[in-house]
N, C-alpha and C. Protein backbone atom coordinates (compact mmCIF):
# COMPACT_ATOMS: atom_id res chain seq x y z
N MET A 1 -4.73 21.93 7.22
CA MET A 1 -3.90 21.02 7.00
C MET A 1 -4.20 20.07 6.10
N LYS A 2 -3.17 19.79 5.09
CA LYS A 2 -3.51 18.92 4.07
C LYS A 2 -3.77 17.46 4.34
N GLU A 3 -4.64 16.65 4.38
CA GLU A 3 -5.00 15.37 4.71
C GLU A 3 -3.88 14.45 3.96
N ARG A 4 -3.23 13.71 4.71
CA ARG A 4 -2.09 12.97 4.34
C ARG A 4 -2.83 11.67 3.36
N LEU A 5 -2.08 11.22 2.51
CA LEU A 5 -2.74 10.35 1.38
C LEU A 5 -1.77 8.65 1.82
N PHE A 6 -2.50 7.63 1.60
CA PHE A 6 -1.73 6.48 1.52
C PHE A 6 -2.26 5.66 0.38
N CYS A 7 -1.13 4.91 -0.13
CA CYS A 7 -1.34 3.88 -1.03
C CYS A 7 -2.85 2.97 -0.67
N GLN A 8 -3.95 3.09 -1.43
CA GLN A 8 -4.94 2.31 -1.34
C GLN A 8 -4.84 0.89 -1.55
N SER A 9 -3.65 0.28 -1.49
CA SER A 9 -3.11 -1.28 -1.66
C SER A 9 -2.37 -1.50 -0.48
N CYS A 10 -1.27 -0.88 -0.38
CA CYS A 10 -0.38 -1.36 0.48
C CYS A 10 -0.11 -0.47 2.00
N GLY A 11 -0.61 0.69 1.81
CA GLY A 11 -0.66 1.76 2.89
C GLY A 11 0.67 2.41 2.71
N MET A 12 1.37 2.59 1.75
CA MET A 12 2.34 3.47 1.86
C MET A 12 2.01 4.81 1.80
N PRO A 13 2.79 5.91 2.36
CA PRO A 13 2.49 7.26 2.51
C PRO A 13 2.63 7.70 0.96
N LEU A 14 1.77 8.41 0.52
CA LEU A 14 2.00 9.33 -0.79
C LEU A 14 2.34 10.74 -0.48
N ASP A 15 3.40 10.77 0.26
CA ASP A 15 3.95 12.28 0.45
C ASP A 15 4.62 13.14 -0.73
N ARG A 16 5.25 12.19 -1.55
CA ARG A 16 6.00 12.81 -2.80
C ARG A 16 5.29 12.54 -3.91
N ALA A 17 5.45 13.30 -4.87
CA ALA A 17 5.25 13.16 -6.34
C ALA A 17 5.61 11.55 -6.63
N GLU A 18 6.89 11.41 -6.52
CA GLU A 18 7.80 10.15 -6.89
C GLU A 18 7.48 8.86 -6.16
N ASP A 19 6.59 8.97 -5.20
CA ASP A 19 6.08 7.95 -4.51
C ASP A 19 4.77 7.26 -5.25
N MET A 20 4.16 8.30 -5.99
CA MET A 20 2.91 7.85 -6.58
C MET A 20 3.13 6.92 -7.78
N GLY A 21 1.96 6.11 -8.08
CA GLY A 21 1.88 5.15 -9.18
C GLY A 21 1.63 6.30 -10.46
N THR A 22 1.30 5.52 -11.61
CA THR A 22 0.61 6.20 -12.69
C THR A 22 -0.61 5.85 -13.34
N GLU A 23 -1.26 6.51 -13.94
CA GLU A 23 -2.46 6.21 -14.54
C GLU A 23 -2.10 5.82 -15.98
N ALA A 24 -2.90 5.41 -16.71
CA ALA A 24 -2.69 4.75 -18.07
C ALA A 24 -1.97 6.13 -18.79
N GLY A 25 -2.53 7.32 -18.87
CA GLY A 25 -2.00 8.29 -19.37
C GLY A 25 -0.77 8.76 -18.97
N GLY A 26 -0.41 8.54 -17.97
CA GLY A 26 0.70 8.88 -17.43
C GLY A 26 0.71 9.63 -16.41
N ALA A 27 -0.39 10.18 -15.85
CA ALA A 27 -0.87 11.07 -14.75
C ALA A 27 -0.34 10.52 -13.44
N PRO A 28 0.08 11.10 -12.43
CA PRO A 28 0.19 10.38 -11.16
C PRO A 28 -1.12 9.94 -10.66
N SER A 29 -1.07 8.90 -9.65
CA SER A 29 -2.38 8.33 -9.37
C SER A 29 -2.18 8.87 -7.86
N GLY A 30 -3.52 9.55 -7.51
CA GLY A 30 -3.52 9.86 -6.01
C GLY A 30 -4.00 8.79 -5.14
N GLU A 31 -4.16 7.64 -5.67
CA GLU A 31 -4.60 6.55 -4.95
C GLU A 31 -3.68 5.50 -4.73
N TYR A 32 -2.82 5.20 -5.78
CA TYR A 32 -1.94 3.90 -5.43
C TYR A 32 -0.15 4.42 -5.47
N CYS A 33 0.61 3.67 -4.99
CA CYS A 33 2.11 3.94 -4.98
C CYS A 33 2.79 3.35 -6.10
N ARG A 34 4.04 4.02 -6.59
CA ARG A 34 4.65 3.45 -7.80
C ARG A 34 5.09 1.99 -7.66
N ASP A 35 4.95 1.41 -6.53
CA ASP A 35 5.26 -0.18 -6.30
C ASP A 35 4.05 -0.93 -6.59
N CYS A 36 2.76 -0.38 -6.22
CA CYS A 36 1.63 -1.25 -6.61
C CYS A 36 0.82 -0.94 -7.90
N TYR A 37 1.05 0.30 -8.64
CA TYR A 37 0.36 0.64 -9.78
C TYR A 37 1.32 1.28 -10.81
N GLN A 38 1.06 0.78 -11.97
CA GLN A 38 1.67 1.50 -13.12
C GLN A 38 0.97 1.43 -14.36
N ALA A 39 0.98 2.76 -14.97
CA ALA A 39 0.30 2.62 -16.34
C ALA A 39 -1.13 2.15 -16.40
N GLY A 40 -1.76 2.62 -15.03
CA GLY A 40 -3.18 2.45 -14.98
C GLY A 40 -3.39 0.88 -14.45
N ALA A 41 -2.55 0.01 -14.16
CA ALA A 41 -2.84 -1.32 -13.73
C ALA A 41 -2.14 -1.43 -12.48
N PHE A 42 -2.46 -2.57 -11.73
CA PHE A 42 -1.87 -3.28 -10.61
C PHE A 42 -0.56 -3.84 -11.03
N THR A 43 0.64 -3.70 -10.47
CA THR A 43 1.67 -4.42 -10.77
C THR A 43 1.91 -5.93 -10.61
N ALA A 44 0.87 -6.39 -9.52
CA ALA A 44 0.81 -7.57 -9.47
C ALA A 44 -0.92 -7.96 -9.26
N PRO A 45 -1.57 -7.78 -10.36
CA PRO A 45 -3.14 -8.10 -10.23
C PRO A 45 -3.49 -9.35 -9.47
N GLU A 46 -2.47 -10.26 -9.54
CA GLU A 46 -3.24 -11.76 -8.67
C GLU A 46 -3.05 -11.58 -7.09
N ALA A 47 -2.31 -10.47 -6.63
CA ALA A 47 -2.02 -10.38 -5.42
C ALA A 47 -3.56 -10.41 -4.58
N THR A 48 -3.16 -11.36 -3.38
CA THR A 48 -4.34 -11.01 -2.58
C THR A 48 -4.14 -10.30 -1.18
N LEU A 49 -5.05 -9.97 -0.25
CA LEU A 49 -4.68 -9.41 0.70
C LEU A 49 -3.80 -10.01 1.65
N GLU A 50 -3.83 -11.25 1.97
CA GLU A 50 -2.91 -12.30 2.61
C GLU A 50 -1.49 -11.94 1.99
N ASP A 51 -1.28 -11.91 0.75
CA ASP A 51 0.02 -11.60 0.05
C ASP A 51 0.66 -10.14 0.51
N MET A 52 -0.44 -9.35 0.43
CA MET A 52 0.10 -7.79 0.65
C MET A 52 0.69 -8.04 2.22
N ILE A 53 -0.01 -8.52 3.06
CA ILE A 53 0.31 -8.52 4.72
C ILE A 53 1.60 -9.28 4.62
N ALA A 54 1.79 -10.32 3.90
CA ALA A 54 2.99 -11.08 4.16
C ALA A 54 4.03 -10.42 3.52
N LEU A 55 3.96 -9.51 2.61
CA LEU A 55 4.77 -8.58 1.82
C LEU A 55 5.33 -7.68 2.67
N ASN A 56 4.35 -6.97 3.45
CA ASN A 56 4.72 -5.84 4.28
C ASN A 56 5.31 -6.43 5.63
N LEU A 57 4.89 -7.39 6.06
CA LEU A 57 5.50 -8.00 7.50
C LEU A 57 7.05 -8.42 7.07
N LYS A 58 7.30 -8.62 6.00
CA LYS A 58 8.55 -9.00 5.52
C LYS A 58 9.43 -7.64 5.45
N PHE A 59 8.88 -6.61 5.02
CA PHE A 59 9.33 -5.20 4.48
C PHE A 59 9.77 -4.91 6.28
N ASN A 60 8.71 -5.01 7.10
CA ASN A 60 8.86 -4.44 8.45
C ASN A 60 10.27 -4.84 8.99
N GLU A 61 10.09 -6.47 9.01
CA GLU A 61 11.32 -7.00 9.59
C GLU A 61 12.69 -6.60 8.98
N GLU A 62 12.96 -6.37 7.56
CA GLU A 62 14.01 -6.07 6.83
C GLU A 62 14.38 -4.63 7.24
N ASN A 63 13.47 -3.95 7.58
CA ASN A 63 13.97 -2.40 7.58
C ASN A 63 13.89 -1.87 8.88
N GLY A 64 14.05 -2.87 10.06
CA GLY A 64 14.21 -2.20 11.19
C GLY A 64 12.80 -1.94 12.16
N ARG A 65 11.91 -2.88 11.60
CA ARG A 65 10.46 -2.70 12.31
C ARG A 65 10.23 -1.35 12.51
N PRO A 66 9.87 -0.58 11.39
CA PRO A 66 9.08 0.75 11.76
C PRO A 66 7.79 0.70 11.81
N MET A 67 7.19 -0.70 11.49
CA MET A 67 5.89 -0.65 12.21
C MET A 67 5.59 -1.41 13.66
N GLY A 68 6.77 -1.55 14.21
CA GLY A 68 6.83 -2.19 15.45
C GLY A 68 7.09 -3.68 15.20
N THR A 69 6.77 -4.50 16.24
CA THR A 69 7.17 -5.83 16.33
C THR A 69 6.24 -6.67 15.34
N ARG A 70 6.44 -7.90 15.01
CA ARG A 70 5.66 -8.68 13.92
C ARG A 70 4.15 -8.55 14.38
N ALA A 71 3.93 -8.86 15.47
CA ALA A 71 2.86 -9.07 16.30
C ALA A 71 2.04 -7.74 15.90
N GLU A 72 2.61 -6.56 16.30
CA GLU A 72 2.05 -5.18 16.40
C GLU A 72 1.74 -4.88 14.78
N ALA A 73 2.84 -5.20 14.16
CA ALA A 73 2.69 -4.93 12.57
C ALA A 73 1.26 -5.56 11.96
N GLU A 74 1.24 -6.79 12.27
CA GLU A 74 0.17 -7.84 11.56
C GLU A 74 -1.16 -7.38 12.20
N GLN A 75 -1.15 -6.90 13.65
CA GLN A 75 -2.35 -6.56 14.14
C GLN A 75 -2.91 -5.50 13.19
N MET A 76 -1.82 -4.37 13.15
CA MET A 76 -2.18 -3.05 12.16
C MET A 76 -2.75 -3.42 10.89
N MET A 77 -1.92 -4.38 10.16
CA MET A 77 -2.45 -4.72 9.06
C MET A 77 -3.69 -5.35 8.68
N ARG A 78 -4.07 -6.03 9.56
CA ARG A 78 -5.43 -6.86 9.43
C ARG A 78 -6.46 -6.13 9.80
N SER A 79 -6.23 -4.75 10.85
CA SER A 79 -7.34 -3.87 11.10
C SER A 79 -7.51 -3.02 9.83
N TRP A 80 -6.27 -2.27 9.39
CA TRP A 80 -6.54 -1.21 8.51
C TRP A 80 -6.64 -1.76 7.04
N TYR A 81 -5.73 -2.80 6.54
CA TYR A 81 -5.89 -2.93 4.92
C TYR A 81 -7.18 -3.44 4.77
N PRO A 82 -8.01 -3.95 5.27
CA PRO A 82 -9.43 -4.26 4.90
C PRO A 82 -10.29 -2.75 4.35
N THR A 83 -9.80 -1.95 5.14
CA THR A 83 -10.35 -0.40 4.75
C THR A 83 -9.91 -0.12 3.63
N LEU A 84 -8.83 -0.23 3.02
CA LEU A 84 -8.13 0.21 1.82
C LEU A 84 -9.13 -0.05 0.61
N LYS A 85 -9.06 0.87 -0.41
CA LYS A 85 -9.99 0.82 -1.47
C LYS A 85 -9.77 -0.51 -2.08
N ARG A 86 -8.42 -1.10 -2.54
CA ARG A 86 -8.42 -2.43 -3.02
C ARG A 86 -8.79 -3.43 -2.51
N TRP A 87 -8.87 -3.50 -1.20
CA TRP A 87 -9.01 -4.73 -0.29
C TRP A 87 -10.65 -4.44 0.21
N ARG A 88 -11.49 -3.39 0.19
CA ARG A 88 -12.45 -3.28 0.62
C ARG A 88 -13.55 -4.23 -0.07
N GLN A 89 -14.53 -4.86 0.81
CA GLN A 89 -15.50 -5.78 0.65
C GLN A 89 -16.65 -4.97 0.37
N GLY A 90 -17.38 -5.20 -1.08
CA GLY A 90 -18.68 -4.77 -1.11
C GLY A 90 -18.59 -3.18 -1.39
């Protein structure tokens, strides 16, 4: 079974080619989604981990809570996001 890929910035599943961001030469990025990464650069380079959590908590609320309640979603994000490539320390 193929390992599922997730955006290494926001956690979005990269199940379809159209979900993937692009590298500088236009090739699909296997690490980042279209919302976070275009033409080899982050779309919001100044964003912090806290910004990403706030953005995705808002998404969760506006889309019927697919990640659970606000508390559940925030707990998941605070444990998982720091392991993603963009936010990993050291």
